[in-house]
PDB file of N, CA and C in Angstrom:
ATOM      1  N   MET A   1       0.699  -1.235   0.045  1.00  0.00           N
ATOM      2  CA  MET A   1       0.120   0.048  -0.117  1.00  0.00           C
ATOM      3  C   MET A   1       1.031   1.112  -0.236  1.00  0.00           C
ATOM      4  N   SER A   2       0.770   2.133  -0.843  1.00  0.00           N
ATOM      5  CA  SER A   2       1.623   3.169  -1.044  1.00  0.00           C
ATOM      6  C   SER A   2       0.613   4.598  -0.615  1.00  0.00           C
ATOM      7  N   ASP A   3       1.227   5.444   0.230  1.00  0.00           N
ATOM      8  CA  ASP A   3       0.679   6.547   0.759  1.00  0.00           C
ATOM      9  C   ASP A   3       1.004   7.725  -0.292  1.00  0.00           C
ATOM     10  N   GLY A   4       1.634   7.546  -1.445  1.00  0.00           N
ATOM     11  CA  GLY A   4       1.782   8.768  -2.329  1.00  0.00           C
ATOM     12  C   GLY A   4       3.144   9.636  -1.948  1.00  0.00           C
ATOM     13  N   VAL A   5       3.702   9.701  -0.883  1.00  0.00           N
ATOM     14  CA  VAL A   5       4.781  10.248  -0.353  1.00  0.00           C
ATOM     15  C   VAL A   5       6.096   9.454  -0.533  1.00  0.00           C
ATOM     16  N   MET A   6       6.016   8.269   0.124  1.00  0.00           N
ATOM     17  CA  MET A   6       7.152   7.333   0.046  1.00  0.00           C
ATOM     18  C   MET A   6       6.736   5.849  -0.452  1.00  0.00           C
ATOM     19  N   ALA A   7       7.330   5.390  -1.321  1.00  0.00           N
ATOM     20  CA  ALA A   7       6.875   3.849  -1.667  1.00  0.00           C
ATOM     21  C   ALA A   7       7.280   3.177  -0.604  1.00  0.00           C
ATOM     22  N   ASP A   8       6.334   1.743  -0.431  1.00  0.00           N
ATOM     23  CA  ASP A   8       6.621   0.877   0.722  1.00  0.00           C
ATOM     24  C   ASP A   8       8.083   0.249   0.456  1.00  0.00           C
ATOM     25  N   PRO A   9       8.648  -0.359   1.438  1.00  0.00           N
ATOM     26  CA  PRO A   9       9.931  -0.640   1.445  1.00  0.00           C
ATOM     27  C   PRO A   9      10.234  -2.047   0.644  1.00  0.00           C
ATOM     28  N   ALA A  10      11.144  -2.276  -0.222  1.00  0.00           N
ATOM     29  CA  ALA A  10      11.135  -3.231  -1.108  1.00  0.00           C
ATOM     30  C   ALA A  10      11.360  -4.759  -0.065  1.00  0.00           C
ATOM     31  N   PRO A  11      10.711  -5.770  -0.749  1.00  0.00           N
ATOM     32  CA  PRO A  11      10.517  -6.940   0.196  1.00  0.00           C
ATOM     33  C   PRO A  11      11.895  -7.459   0.945  1.00  0.00           C
ATOM     34  N   GLU A  12      13.181  -6.953   0.133  1.00  0.00           N
ATOM     35  CA  GLU A  12      14.543  -7.594   0.575  1.00  0.00           C
ATOM     36  C   GLU A  12      14.976  -6.724   1.832  1.00  0.00           C
ATOM     37  N   ASN A  13      14.167  -5.668   2.110  1.00  0.00           N
ATOM     38  CA  ASN A  13      14.494  -4.937   3.421  1.00  0.00           C
ATOM     39  C   ASN A  13      13.828  -5.652   4.464  1.00  0.00           C
ATOM     40  N   ILE A  14      14.602  -6.178   5.390  1.00  0.00           N
ATOM     41  CA  ILE A  14      14.022  -7.165   6.503  1.00  0.00           C
ATOM     42  C   ILE A  14      13.519  -6.397   7.527  1.00  0.00           C
ATOM     43  N   ASP A  15      13.975  -5.050   7.630  1.00  0.00           N
ATOM     44  CA  ASP A  15      13.207  -4.241   9.061  1.00  0.00           C
ATOM     45  C   ASP A  15      11.866  -3.958   8.442  1.00  0.00           C
ATOM     46  N   GLY A  16      11.631  -3.629   7.118  1.00  0.00           N
ATOM     47  CA  GLY A  16      10.519  -3.067   6.807  1.00  0.00           C
ATOM     48  C   GLY A  16      10.195  -1.385   7.193  1.00  0.00           C
ATOM     49  N   SER A  17      11.322  -0.846   7.495  1.00  0.00           N
ATOM     50  CA  SER A  17      11.171   0.577   8.279  1.00  0.00           C
ATOM     51  C   SER A  17      10.887   1.555   7.003  1.00  0.00           C
ATOM     52  N   LYS A  18      10.517   2.556   7.273  1.00  0.00           N
ATOM     53  CA  LYS A  18      10.667   3.721   6.212  1.00  0.00           C
ATOM     54  C   LYS A  18      11.375   4.961   7.083  1.00  0.00           C
ATOM     55  N   ASN A  19      12.283   5.314   6.283  1.00  0.00           N
ATOM     56  CA  ASN A  19      13.062   6.614   6.981  1.00  0.00           C
ATOM     57  C   ASN A  19      12.735   7.876   6.165  1.00  0.00           C
ATOM     58  N   VAL A  20      12.033   8.829   6.678  1.00  0.00           N
ATOM     59  CA  VAL A  20      11.696   9.835   6.135  1.00  0.00           C
ATOM     60  C   VAL A  20      12.274  11.392   6.684  1.00  0.00           C
ATOM     61  N   SER A  21      12.941  12.206   6.018  1.00  0.00           N
ATOM     62  CA  SER A  21      13.768  13.201   6.674  1.00  0.00           C
ATOM     63  C   SER A  21      13.457  14.504   5.803  1.00  0.00           C
ATOM     64  N   HIS A  22      13.194  15.439   6.591  1.00  0.00           N
ATOM     65  CA  HIS A  22      12.804  16.795   5.776  1.00  0.00           C
ATOM     66  C   HIS A  22      13.830  17.651   6.317  1.00  0.00           C
ATOM     67  N   ILE A  23      14.431  18.578   5.369  1.00  0.00           N
ATOM     68  CA  ILE A  23      15.265  19.706   5.818  1.00  0.00           C
ATOM     69  C   ILE A  23      14.486  21.151   5.220  1.00  0.00           C
ATOM     70  N   PHE A  24      14.328  21.913   6.056  1.00  0.00           N
ATOM     71  CA  PHE A  24      13.685  23.194   5.744  1.00  0.00           C
ATOM     72  C   PHE A  24      14.641  24.266   5.970  1.00  0.00           C
ATOM     73  N   GLU A  25      14.772  25.124   5.064  1.00  0.00           N
ATOM     74  CA  GLU A  25      15.567  26.271   5.489  1.00  0.00           C
ATOM     75  C   GLU A  25      15.070  27.593   5.064  1.00  0.00           C
ATOM     76  N   HIS A  26      14.702  28.585   5.637  1.00  0.00           N
ATOM     77  CA  HIS A  26      13.909  29.590   4.897  1.00  0.00           C
ATOM     78  C   HIS A  26      14.698  30.935   5.522  1.00  0.00           C
ATOM     79  N   GLN A  27      15.359  31.779   4.634  1.00  0.00           N
ATOM     80  CA  GLN A  27      15.997  33.011   5.095  1.00  0.00           C
ATOM     81  C   GLN A  27      15.132  34.190   4.550  1.00  0.00           C
ATOM     82  N   MET A  28      14.897  35.167   5.254  1.00  0.00           N
ATOM     83  CA  MET A  28      14.025  36.319   4.818  1.00  0.00           C
ATOM     84  C   MET A  28      14.833  37.441   5.157  1.00  0.00           C
ATOM     85  N   GLN A  29      15.147  38.375   4.024  1.00  0.00           N
ATOM     86  CA  GLN A  29      15.657  39.514   4.324  1.00  0.00           C
ATOM     87  C   GLN A  29      14.949  40.678   3.766  1.00  0.00           C
ATOM     88  N   HIS A  30      14.774  41.718   4.536  1.00  0.00           N
ATOM     89  CA  HIS A  30      13.968  42.950   4.208  1.00  0.00           C
ATOM     90  C   HIS A  30      14.988  44.072   4.133  1.00  0.00           C
ATOM     91  N   ARG A  31      14.970  45.130   3.014  1.00  0.00           N
ATOM     92  CA  ARG A  31      15.681  46.166   3.001  1.00  0.00           C
ATOM     93  C   ARG A  31      14.649  47.530   2.382  1.00  0.00           C
ATOM     94  N   VAL A  32      14.800  48.521   3.210  1.00  0.00           N
ATOM     95  CA  VAL A  32      14.013  49.737   3.215  1.00  0.00           C
ATOM     96  C   VAL A  32      14.608  50.426   1.889  1.00  0.00           C
ATOM     97  N   ASN A  33      13.820  50.768   0.829  1.00  0.00           N
ATOM     98  CA  ASN A  33      14.211  51.583  -0.280  1.00  0.00           C
ATOM     99  C   ASN A  33      14.134  52.988   0.220  1.00  0.00           C
ATOM    100  N   TRP A  34      14.995  53.798   1.003  1.00  0.00           N
ATOM    101  CA  TRP A  34      14.593  54.969   1.485  1.00  0.00           C
ATOM    102  C   TRP A  34      14.025  56.100   0.269  1.00  0.00           C
ATOM    103  N   SER A  35      14.418  55.966  -1.034  1.00  0.00           N
ATOM    104  CA  SER A  35      14.053  56.922  -1.802  1.00  0.00           C
ATOM    105  C   SER A  35      12.421  56.772  -2.200  1.00  0.00           C
ATOM    106  N   HIS A  36      11.916  55.682  -2.029  1.00  0.00           N
ATOM    107  CA  HIS A  36      10.459  55.470  -1.880  1.00  0.00           C
ATOM    108  C   HIS A  36       9.884  55.794  -1.016  1.00  0.00           C
ATOM    109  N   VAL A  37      10.542  55.851   0.413  1.00  0.00           N
ATOM    110  CA  VAL A  37       9.650  56.455   1.618  1.00  0.00           C
ATOM    111  C   VAL A  37       9.856  57.898   1.396  1.00  0.00           C
ATOM    112  N   ALA A  38      10.819  58.608   0.973  1.00  0.00           N
ATOM    113  CA  ALA A  38      10.713  60.022   0.726  1.00  0.00           C
ATOM    114  C   ALA A  38       9.800  60.401  -0.341  1.00  0.00           C
ATOM    115  N   LEU A  39       9.698  59.595  -1.555  1.00  0.00           N
ATOM    116  CA  LEU A  39       8.796  59.918  -2.474  1.00  0.00           C
ATOM    117  C   LEU A  39       7.296  59.956  -1.860  1.00  0.00           C
ATOM    118  N   ALA A  40       7.266  58.870  -1.057  1.00  0.00           N
ATOM    119  CA  ALA A  40       5.682  58.660  -0.474  1.00  0.00           C
ATOM    120  C   ALA A  40       5.243  59.839   0.343  1.00  0.00           C
ATOM    121  N   VAL A  41       6.374  60.233   1.131  1.00  0.00           N
ATOM    122  CA  VAL A  41       6.117  61.501   2.097  1.00  0.00           C
ATOM    123  C   VAL A  41       5.708  62.748   1.151  1.00  0.00           C
ATOM    124  N   VAL A  42       6.489  62.758   0.415  1.00  0.00           N
ATOM    125  CA  VAL A  42       6.231  64.020  -0.774  1.00  0.00           C
ATOM    126  C   VAL A  42       4.774  63.936  -1.162  1.00  0.00           C
ATOM    127  N   ALA A  43       4.376  62.917  -1.678  1.00  0.00           N
ATOM    128  CA  ALA A  43       3.073  62.619  -2.269  1.00  0.00           C
ATOM    129  C   ALA A  43       2.126  62.922  -1.177  1.00  0.00           C
ATOM    130  N   LEU A  44       2.581  62.660   0.077  1.00  0.00           N
ATOM    131  CA  LEU A  44       1.308  62.842   1.074  1.00  0.00           C
ATOM    132  C   LEU A  44       1.308  64.264   1.379  1.00  0.00           C
ATOM    133  N   ILE A  45       2.389  65.066   1.328  1.00  0.00           N
ATOM    134  CA  ILE A  45       2.342  66.380   1.588  1.00  0.00           C
ATOM    135  C   ILE A  45       1.649  67.406   0.535  1.00  0.00           C
ATOM    136  N   VAL A  46       1.956  66.823  -0.711  1.00  0.00           N
ATOM    137  CA  VAL A  46       1.339  67.346  -2.050  1.00  0.00           C
ATOM    138  C   VAL A  46      -0.293  67.075  -1.647  1.00  0.00           C
ATOM    139  N   ALA A  47      -0.514  65.929  -1.562  1.00  0.00           N
ATOM    140  CA  ALA A  47      -2.170  65.615  -1.482  1.00  0.00           C
ATOM    141  C   ALA A  47      -2.767  66.486  -0.134  1.00  0.00           C
ATOM    142  N   TYR A  48      -2.044  66.818   0.889  1.00  0.00           N
ATOM    143  CA  TYR A  48      -2.363  67.379   2.162  1.00  0.00           C
ATOM    144  C   TYR A  48      -2.554  68.961   1.357  1.00  0.00           C
ATOM    145  N   VAL A  49      -1.553  69.315   0.925  1.00  0.00           N
ATOM    146  CA  VAL A  49      -1.818  70.968   0.388  1.00  0.00           C
ATOM    147  C   VAL A  49      -2.814  71.103  -0.542  1.00  0.00           C
ATOM    148  N   LEU A  50      -3.089  69.996  -1.506  1.00  0.00           N
ATOM    149  CA  LEU A  50      -3.928  70.364  -2.502  1.00  0.00           C
ATOM    150  C   LEU A  50      -5.451  70.146  -1.970  1.00  0.00           C
ATOM    151  N   PHE A  51      -5.526  68.995  -1.361  1.00  0.00           N
ATOM    152  CA  PHE A  51      -6.876  68.557  -1.139  1.00  0.00           C
ATOM    153  C   PHE A  51      -7.436  69.074   0.270  1.00  0.00           C
ATOM    154  N   VAL A  52      -6.635  69.085   1.343  1.00  0.00           N
ATOM    155  CA  VAL A  52      -7.237  69.267   2.705  1.00  0.00           C
ATOM    156  C   VAL A  52      -7.080  71.006   3.055  1.00  0.00           C
ATOM    157  N   ARG A  53      -6.008  71.516   2.628  1.00  0.00           N
ATOM    158  CA  ARG A  53      -5.949  72.835   2.828  1.00  0.00           C
ATOM    159  C   ARG A  53      -6.762  73.788   1.738  1.00  0.00           C
ATOM    160  N   GLY A  54      -7.073  73.139   0.575  1.00  0.00           N
ATOM    161  CA  GLY A  54      -7.624  73.755  -0.403  1.00  0.00           C
ATOM    162  C   GLY A  54      -6.674  73.999  -1.550  1.00  0.00           C
ATOM    163  N   GLY A  55      -5.521  74.500  -1.369  1.00  0.00           N
ATOM    164  CA  GLY A  55      -4.264  74.640  -2.478  1.00  0.00           C
ATOM    165  C   GLY A  55      -4.325  75.836  -3.430  1.00  0.00           C
ATOM    166  N   ASP A  56      -5.630  76.674  -3.165  1.00  0.00           N
ATOM    167  CA  ASP A  56      -5.703  77.869  -4.075  1.00  0.00           C
ATOM    168  C   ASP A  56      -5.050  78.994  -3.413  1.00  0.00           C
ATOM    169  N   GLY A  57      -4.634  79.209  -2.193  1.00  0.00           N
ATOM    170  CA  GLY A  57      -4.049  80.216  -1.587  1.00  0.00           C
ATOM    171  C   GLY A  57      -4.863  81.246  -1.207  1.00  0.00           C
ATOM    172  N   GLY A  58      -5.976  81.345  -1.855  1.00  0.00           N
ATOM    173  CA  GLY A  58      -7.137  82.432  -1.644  1.00  0.00           C
ATOM    174  C   GLY A  58      -7.994  82.429  -0.405  1.00  0.00           C
ATOM    175  N   ASP A  59      -7.862  81.348   0.431  1.00  0.00           N
ATOM    176  CA  ASP A  59      -8.708  81.427   1.481  1.00  0.00           C
ATOM    177  C   ASP A  59      -7.870  81.743   2.726  1.00  0.00           C
ATOM    178  N   ASP A  60      -8.410  82.931   3.095  1.00  0.00           N
ATOM    179  CA  ASP A  60      -7.970  83.529   4.304  1.00  0.00           C
ATOM    180  C   ASP A  60      -8.989  83.541   5.471  1.00  0.00           C
ATOM    181  N   PRO A  61      -8.545  82.971   6.447  1.00  0.00           N
ATOM    182  CA  PRO A  61      -9.856  83.105   7.415  1.00  0.00           C
ATOM    183  C   PRO A  61     -10.317  84.155   7.905  1.00  0.00           C
ATOM    184  N   ALA A  62      -9.471  85.323   7.765  1.00  0.00           N
ATOM    185  CA  ALA A  62      -9.748  86.606   8.335  1.00  0.00           C
ATOM    186  C   ALA A  62     -10.619  87.068   7.070  1.00  0.00           C
ATOM    187  N   ASP A  63     -10.663  86.821   6.052  1.00  0.00           N
ATOM    188  CA  ASP A  63     -11.902  87.429   5.145  1.00  0.00           C
ATOM    189  C   ASP A  63     -13.387  86.889   5.331  1.00  0.00           C
ATOM    190  N   GLU A  64     -13.248  85.294   6.209  1.00  0.00           N
ATOM    191  CA  GLU A  64     -14.705  84.965   6.256  1.00  0.00           C
ATOM    192  C   GLU A  64     -15.378  85.891   7.329  1.00  0.00           C
ATOM    193  N   ASP A  65     -14.725  86.657   8.259  1.00  0.00           N
ATOM    194  CA  ASP A  65     -15.422  87.393   9.190  1.00  0.00           C
ATOM    195  C   ASP A  65     -15.671  88.754   8.672  1.00  0.00           C
ATOM    196  N   ALA A  66     -15.160  88.893   7.753  1.00  0.00           N
ATOM    197  CA  ALA A  66     -15.287  90.697   7.178  1.00  0.00           C
ATOM    198  C   ALA A  66     -16.674  90.576   6.714  1.00  0.00           C
ATOM    199  N   PRO A  67     -17.262  91.903   7.028  1.00  0.00           N
ATOM    200  CA  PRO A  67     -18.473  92.127   6.757  1.00  0.00           C
ATOM    201  C   PRO A  67     -18.757  92.396   5.113  1.00  0.00           C
ATOM    202  N   VAL A  68     -19.848  91.951   4.538  1.00  0.00           N
ATOM    203  CA  VAL A  68     -20.069  91.937   3.165  1.00  0.00           C
ATOM    204  C   VAL A  68     -20.701  93.246   2.850  1.00  0.00           C
ATOM    205  N   PRO A  69     -20.141  94.329   1.768  1.00  0.00           N
ATOM    206  CA  PRO A  69     -20.840  95.381   1.780  1.00  0.00           C
ATOM    207  C   PRO A  69     -22.233  95.229   0.626  1.00  0.00           C
ATOM    208  N   THR A  70     -23.019  95.937   0.826  1.00  0.00           N
ATOM    209  CA  THR A  70     -24.129  95.995   0.067  1.00  0.00           C
ATOM    210  C   THR A  70     -24.224  96.755  -1.074  1.00  0.00           C
ATOM    211  N   ALA A  71     -25.231  96.969  -1.943  1.00  0.00           N
ATOM    212  CA  ALA A  71     -24.814  97.657  -3.375  1.00  0.00           C
ATOM    213  C   ALA A  71     -24.643  99.053  -2.844  1.00  0.00           C
ATOM    214  N   ASP A  72     -25.380  99.887  -1.957  1.00  0.00           N
ATOM    215  CA  ASP A  72     -25.086 101.070  -1.638  1.00  0.00           C
ATOM    216  C   ASP A  72     -23.734 101.305  -0.737  1.00  0.00           C
ATOM    217  N   GLY A  73     -22.913 100.189  -0.651  1.00  0.00           N
ATOM    218  CA  GLY A  73     -21.559 100.338   0.363  1.00  0.00           C
ATOM    219  C   GLY A  73     -21.649 100.282   1.755  1.00  0.00           C
ATOM    220  N   SER A  74     -22.801 100.021   2.298  1.00  0.00           N
ATOM    221  CA  SER A  74     -22.941  99.855   3.693  1.00  0.00           C
ATOM    222  C   SER A  74     -22.776  98.527   3.904  1.00  0.00           C
ATOM    223  N   PRO A  75     -22.210  98.117   5.260  1.00  0.00           N
ATOM    224  CA  PRO A  75     -22.012  96.670   5.551  1.00  0.00           C
ATOM    225  C   PRO A  75     -23.246  95.881   5.783  1.00  0.00           C
ATOM    226  N   LEU A  76     -23.328  94.615   5.605  1.00  0.00           N
ATOM    227  CA  LEU A  76     -24.461  93.836   5.645  1.00  0.00           C
ATOM    228  C   LEU A  76     -24.304  93.047   6.934  1.00  0.00           C
ATOM    229  N   GLY A  77     -25.126  93.235   7.819  1.00  0.00           N
ATOM    230  CA  GLY A  77     -25.082  92.433   9.336  1.00  0.00           C
ATOM    231  C   GLY A  77     -24.512  93.318  10.046  1.00  0.00           C
TER     232      GLY A  77
END
């Protein structure tokens, strides 16, 4: 009867034993490519400036509180 991994021992093998050995060696090395990290940081900064802060440079918080003049020049509100 064969288990598919190792054939049954030959009839001339008086012991009838199966010897199975496995050697597993795994090495893992990681390196950080710092130019990719720097590029990602720059991309995040650009995205922040363009999308979070508005990026047009015309948004001054002081302008939001300024009174809006009416057609006759008097401040509204």
